[in-house]
Structure formats: structure tokens, C-alpha cells
Amino acid sequence: MTTAGAVPPSSAMKRKERGREALDLAFVTAESGGKVIKGRKDGKSDFKTVTDTGKSISDKNTSRVIVWIGGGNYIEEIRINRSKPLVTFYGAPNDMPMLVYDDIAKECGTVDSATLIVESVYFTAVNLVIVNSAPRPDGRREGAQTVSLRISGDKAVFYIYKVYGFQDTICDDKGKHFCDVFVFCHVPFSGIFCFCKGNFVFLYFSCRIPWGVPGVSESWLGYFFKFGIL
């Protein structure tokens, strides 16, 4: 006998199974296992650089790899190749690490000037500061535009992080991105906050974007804001 308003156990189980079927099977499988590797500038961990932690991850890994990053400034240009899915960058919560580089479009093209380039699927970043420290474009220097973060892989998620840059701060380069979540982010910039080539939906939750509007280029896209400051 079932009380009024209660869900019969058999119905609840069926709903749970339908929910699991609706999830990406590769994602569900990957999140059931995984490992942690650590990087710290002082050498008191597995690696001293973020780049070396990334290189240590096996190609075509099928389980989540969490890269714990200690505090400090990491002056590196970091690329997570498409052959390395399911990577999480997790910065120390009480001492958020800063990823810094200063490439500009003149040197390597706009999309490849990013300090952090994510080409893999299921990438997650938590507690990070991402900076392109190149000088502010002045309208006279050729190829002076810069990117701080480029996302070229599906289903990336970003929590509690800050991105600092000037023109073209965030680049969504290609592919379809649903629920790219930027939570508690602060994006100071002068020019375009986000420029895009992909087909995607951004969900911005509790974000602070000081001024300006997202730039749009050759894209079908959607922006959703909740609890944010524009």
C-alpha cells in the first residue's frame, strides 16, 4: 500500500534509470573512478609545473584525472590536447594559483595566444586565476590583441575562477558547448569579453563582468545570466 502523494518504489527506480540513461555514458563511467596528481612550485609534490602535470596524463584516459595545483604564479602557456579528456584543474582553495603568460596575436595568431587552451572534452577548472599579461592594445600596434582562455572542447565547466585580459579575453573557438558554466568569475577587460566561432550555450552563474557586452562572431549561441553583475 502506498500513502497519498508518495512515489511507488518501482516508479522511483524507473525514473532513476531513465535519468542515468539520459546522461552521457562515457561521463558516468569516468566519474566512477579516477586519480589525483599534484603540482606545486616549491617542488613538494609530483611536479613543479602545470605543463608537466598535463604531460603525465595518459592519452585517451577513460577516468577523471584531478590535477591539484598549489598556490603561486605559474608562468606557462598551457594546452590540454584533445587526446586527454576528463581532466580537472583544481587550485588550492585558500591560495588560488595564477596561470600567467603574455602571448599576442602577432606572435602566434589570436586563438593560440591564450594562456590556457582547452581542446579536450569534459574539462573542469576550479579555483583558478587565468591571466594574459600582455600590454593593453592601443590601436596602433599590429596584432596586439590577446586571449586569456580558449575553449575548443565540448562540455567544459569552470567554477570559482577569475580571468584577466584585455581584448578577446575568452575565446570559444569551435564545437558545440552546452552548459559551459562560469561561476563566481571576475573578468576585467577592455574590448570584447568573449568572441566565438562555435555553436554553444553559455550559462553564467554569479558572474561579475565589469563593463561591455559579449562579442559575437560567426556563431549561433545563447547567453544565460543568473545572480550576476554586468
Protein backbone atom coordinates (compact mmCIF):
# COMPACT_ATOMS: atom_id res chain seq x y z
CA MET A 1 0.00 0.00 0.00
CA THR A 2 1.27 3.48 -0.90
CA THR A 3 0.36 6.62 1.06
CA ALA A 4 -1.18 9.55 -0.81
CA GLY A 5 1.38 11.58 -2.69
CA ALA A 6 4.18 9.03 -2.28
CA VAL A 7 6.04 7.66 -5.29
CA PRO A 8 5.93 3.86 -5.52
CA PRO A 9 9.43 2.34 -5.22
CA SER A 10 9.19 0.77 -8.65
CA SER A 11 8.37 4.14 -10.24
CA ALA A 12 11.22 5.86 -8.42
CA MET A 13 13.67 3.24 -9.66
CA LYS A 14 12.44 3.62 -13.22
CA ARG A 15 12.91 7.39 -13.04
CA LYS A 16 16.42 6.92 -11.70
CA GLU A 17 17.31 4.55 -14.51
CA ARG A 18 15.87 6.93 -17.11
CA GLY A 19 17.99 9.71 -15.60
CA ARG A 20 21.14 7.64 -15.90
CA GLU A 21 20.30 6.76 -19.49
CA ALA A 22 19.92 10.46 -20.27
CA LEU A 23 23.47 11.15 -19.08
CA ASP A 24 26.48 10.72 -21.31
CA LEU A 25 27.59 7.12 -20.67
CA ALA A 26 31.30 7.97 -21.02
CA PHE A 27 30.94 10.69 -18.41
CA VAL A 28 29.08 8.45 -15.93
CA THR A 29 31.70 5.72 -16.30
CA ALA A 30 34.63 8.13 -15.96
CA GLU A 31 33.33 9.75 -12.79
CA SER A 32 33.10 6.39 -11.01
CA GLY A 33 36.91 6.23 -10.74
CA GLY A 34 39.95 8.43 -11.22
CA LYS A 35 43.18 9.65 -9.66
CA VAL A 36 44.83 12.78 -8.26
CA ILE A 37 48.21 14.19 -9.27
CA LYS A 38 49.75 17.27 -7.66
CA GLY A 39 51.76 20.24 -8.85
CA ARG A 40 53.47 22.83 -6.63
CA LYS A 41 56.04 25.47 -7.46
CA ASP A 42 58.11 24.57 -4.41
CA GLY A 43 58.60 21.02 -5.69
CA LYS A 44 56.86 19.40 -2.71
CA SER A 45 54.58 17.36 -4.97
CA ASP A 46 54.61 15.17 -8.07
CA PHE A 47 55.52 18.05 -10.43
CA LYS A 48 56.71 21.67 -10.28
CA THR A 49 54.82 22.96 -13.34
CA VAL A 50 51.26 22.68 -14.57
CA THR A 51 52.58 21.79 -18.03
CA ASP A 52 54.42 18.75 -16.67
CA THR A 53 51.34 17.52 -14.82
CA GLY A 54 49.43 17.67 -18.09
CA LYS A 55 52.12 15.77 -19.96
CA SER A 56 51.93 12.98 -17.37
CA ILE A 57 48.28 12.23 -18.19
CA SER A 58 47.80 9.27 -20.50
CA ASP A 59 46.26 9.83 -23.90
CA LYS A 60 42.65 8.66 -24.25
CA ASN A 61 42.29 8.20 -20.50
CA THR A 62 38.86 6.92 -19.53
CA SER A 63 38.72 8.08 -15.89
CA ARG A 64 38.75 11.52 -14.33
CA VAL A 65 42.24 12.91 -13.58
CA ILE A 66 42.32 15.67 -10.96
CA VAL A 67 45.37 17.93 -11.14
CA TRP A 68 45.74 19.64 -7.76
CA ILE A 69 47.66 22.91 -8.18
CA GLY A 70 49.29 24.70 -5.25
CA GLY A 71 49.36 28.47 -4.86
CA GLY A 72 51.73 30.78 -6.70
CA ASN A 73 52.28 32.23 -10.17
CA TYR A 74 52.83 29.68 -12.94
CA ILE A 75 54.33 31.50 -15.92
CA GLU A 76 53.40 28.97 -18.57
CA GLU A 77 51.38 28.61 -21.74
CA ILE A 78 49.27 25.54 -21.04
CA ARG A 79 47.46 23.37 -23.57
CA ILE A 80 45.26 20.35 -22.77
CA ASN A 81 45.20 18.41 -26.02
CA ARG A 82 42.07 16.72 -27.33
CA SER A 83 43.75 13.36 -26.69
CA LYS A 84 43.45 13.96 -22.91
CA PRO A 85 39.76 14.04 -21.91
CA LEU A 86 38.35 14.14 -18.39
CA VAL A 87 40.91 16.46 -16.80
CA THR A 88 40.21 18.67 -13.78
CA PHE A 89 42.46 21.57 -12.74
CA TYR A 90 41.78 22.10 -9.03
CA GLY A 91 43.53 25.06 -7.44
CA ALA A 92 44.22 25.31 -3.73
CA PRO A 93 41.05 26.96 -2.32
CA ASN A 94 42.85 29.24 0.16
CA ASP A 95 45.67 30.20 -2.21
CA MET A 96 44.32 30.20 -5.75
CA PRO A 97 47.09 29.59 -8.29
CA MET A 98 47.61 32.09 -11.09
CA LEU A 99 48.32 30.86 -14.63
CA VAL A 100 50.13 33.66 -16.47
CA TYR A 101 51.51 34.17 -19.97
CA ASP A 102 51.91 37.10 -22.37
CA ASP A 103 51.48 35.87 -25.95
CA ILE A 104 49.86 38.18 -28.51
CA ALA A 105 48.19 37.62 -31.88
CA LYS A 106 51.19 38.90 -33.83
CA GLU A 107 53.36 36.08 -32.49
CA CYS A 108 51.05 33.09 -32.92
CA GLY A 109 47.58 34.19 -34.03
CA THR A 110 44.75 35.32 -31.79
CA VAL A 111 43.30 31.92 -30.84
CA ASP A 112 46.73 30.50 -29.97
CA SER A 113 47.73 33.45 -27.80
CA ALA A 114 45.71 32.09 -24.87
CA THR A 115 47.41 31.34 -21.57
CA LEU A 116 45.19 28.27 -21.09
CA ILE A 117 43.99 26.34 -24.15
CA VAL A 118 41.48 23.54 -23.58
CA GLU A 119 40.95 21.23 -26.56
CA SER A 120 39.74 18.14 -24.70
CA VAL A 121 36.22 17.15 -23.67
CA TYR A 122 34.88 17.10 -20.10
CA PHE A 123 37.45 19.60 -18.82
CA THR A 124 36.79 21.17 -15.42
CA ALA A 125 38.57 24.06 -13.70
CA VAL A 126 38.12 25.05 -10.04
CA ASN A 127 39.80 27.84 -8.04
CA LEU A 128 41.99 29.33 -10.78
CA VAL A 129 43.15 32.77 -11.86
CA ILE A 130 43.93 32.90 -15.60
CA VAL A 131 45.84 35.90 -16.94
CA ASN A 132 47.22 37.14 -20.23
CA SER A 133 49.72 39.75 -19.06
CA ALA A 134 50.47 41.29 -22.47
CA PRO A 135 50.06 45.10 -22.66
CA ARG A 136 46.68 46.62 -23.39
CA PRO A 137 46.12 47.05 -27.16
CA ASP A 138 46.41 50.72 -28.08
CA GLY A 139 45.01 50.62 -31.61
CA ARG A 140 48.41 51.35 -33.15
CA ARG A 141 50.42 48.17 -32.57
CA GLU A 142 49.64 45.46 -35.13
CA GLY A 143 48.48 42.11 -33.76
CA ALA A 144 48.31 43.31 -30.16
CA GLN A 145 45.07 41.50 -29.28
CA THR A 146 45.31 38.68 -26.76
CA VAL A 147 43.32 35.79 -25.31
CA SER A 148 43.46 34.52 -21.74
CA LEU A 149 41.32 31.39 -22.07
CA ARG A 150 40.43 29.39 -25.21
CA ILE A 151 37.91 26.56 -25.09
CA SER A 152 37.80 24.17 -28.04
CA GLY A 153 36.44 21.04 -26.37
CA ASP A 154 32.86 20.09 -25.51
CA LYS A 155 31.29 20.16 -22.06
CA ALA A 156 33.78 22.28 -20.16
CA VAL A 157 32.86 23.58 -16.70
CA PHE A 158 34.52 26.38 -14.72
CA TYR A 159 33.85 27.07 -11.02
CA ILE A 160 35.09 29.91 -8.79
CA TYR A 161 37.69 31.41 -11.06
CA LYS A 162 38.90 34.72 -12.45
CA VAL A 163 40.03 35.62 -15.95
CA TYR A 164 42.07 38.77 -16.59
CA GLY A 165 42.77 40.14 -20.03
CA PHE A 166 42.11 42.94 -22.45
CA GLN A 167 40.75 42.40 -25.95
CA ASP A 168 39.20 38.96 -26.70
CA THR A 169 39.54 37.73 -23.11
CA ILE A 170 37.72 34.40 -23.57
CA CYS A 171 37.62 32.57 -26.90
CA ASP A 172 35.13 29.83 -27.63
CA ASP A 173 36.91 28.57 -30.70
CA LYS A 174 34.86 25.74 -32.19
CA GLY A 175 32.44 22.95 -31.49
CA LYS A 176 29.16 22.86 -29.61
CA HIS A 177 29.27 23.76 -25.95
CA PHE A 178 26.35 23.30 -23.65
CA CYS A 179 26.49 24.33 -20.01
CA ASP A 180 29.92 25.92 -20.05
CA VAL A 181 29.45 27.27 -16.53
CA PHE A 182 31.46 30.24 -15.30
CA VAL A 183 30.76 30.55 -11.59
CA PHE A 184 31.85 33.47 -9.39
CA CYS A 185 34.13 34.78 -12.12
CA HIS A 186 35.52 38.29 -12.49
CA VAL A 187 36.56 39.31 -15.97
CA PRO A 188 38.19 42.76 -16.27
CA PHE A 189 38.80 43.66 -19.89
CA SER A 190 38.84 46.45 -22.43
CA GLY A 191 37.12 45.46 -25.62
CA ILE A 192 35.44 42.10 -26.23
CA PHE A 193 34.73 39.85 -23.27
CA CYS A 194 34.08 36.71 -25.31
CA PHE A 195 34.46 36.03 -29.01
CA CYS A 196 33.25 32.85 -30.61
CA LYS A 197 33.27 30.62 -33.65
CA GLY A 198 31.46 27.65 -32.13
CA ASN A 199 27.81 26.78 -31.66
CA PHE A 200 27.15 26.75 -27.96
CA VAL A 201 25.21 27.85 -24.93
CA PHE A 202 26.91 29.67 -22.05
CA LEU A 203 25.41 29.64 -18.57
CA TYR A 204 26.91 32.39 -16.39
CA PHE A 205 26.02 31.95 -12.72
CA SER A 206 27.01 34.56 -10.13
CA CYS A 207 29.48 36.20 -12.51
CA ARG A 208 30.91 39.70 -12.36
CA ILE A 209 31.67 41.28 -15.73
CA PRO A 210 32.70 44.90 -15.09
CA TRP A 211 31.63 46.51 -18.37
CA GLY A 212 30.93 45.89 -22.03
CA VAL A 213 28.98 43.16 -23.76
CA PRO A 214 29.95 39.75 -25.11
CA GLY A 215 31.39 39.88 -28.61
CA VAL A 216 29.79 37.64 -31.21
CA SER A 217 31.40 36.34 -34.39
CA GLU A 218 30.10 33.75 -36.84
CA SER A 219 28.14 31.89 -34.18
CA TRP A 220 24.80 30.55 -33.13
CA LEU A 221 24.83 30.99 -29.40
CA GLY A 222 22.91 31.68 -26.24
CA TYR A 223 23.87 33.51 -23.05
CA PHE A 224 22.06 32.93 -19.76
CA PHE A 225 22.86 35.02 -16.68
CA LYS A 226 21.78 34.34 -13.11
CA PHE A 227 22.84 36.22 -9.96
CA GLY A 228 25.45 38.12 -11.98
CA ILE A 229 26.73 41.69 -12.15
CA LEU A 230 27.15 43.26 -15.59
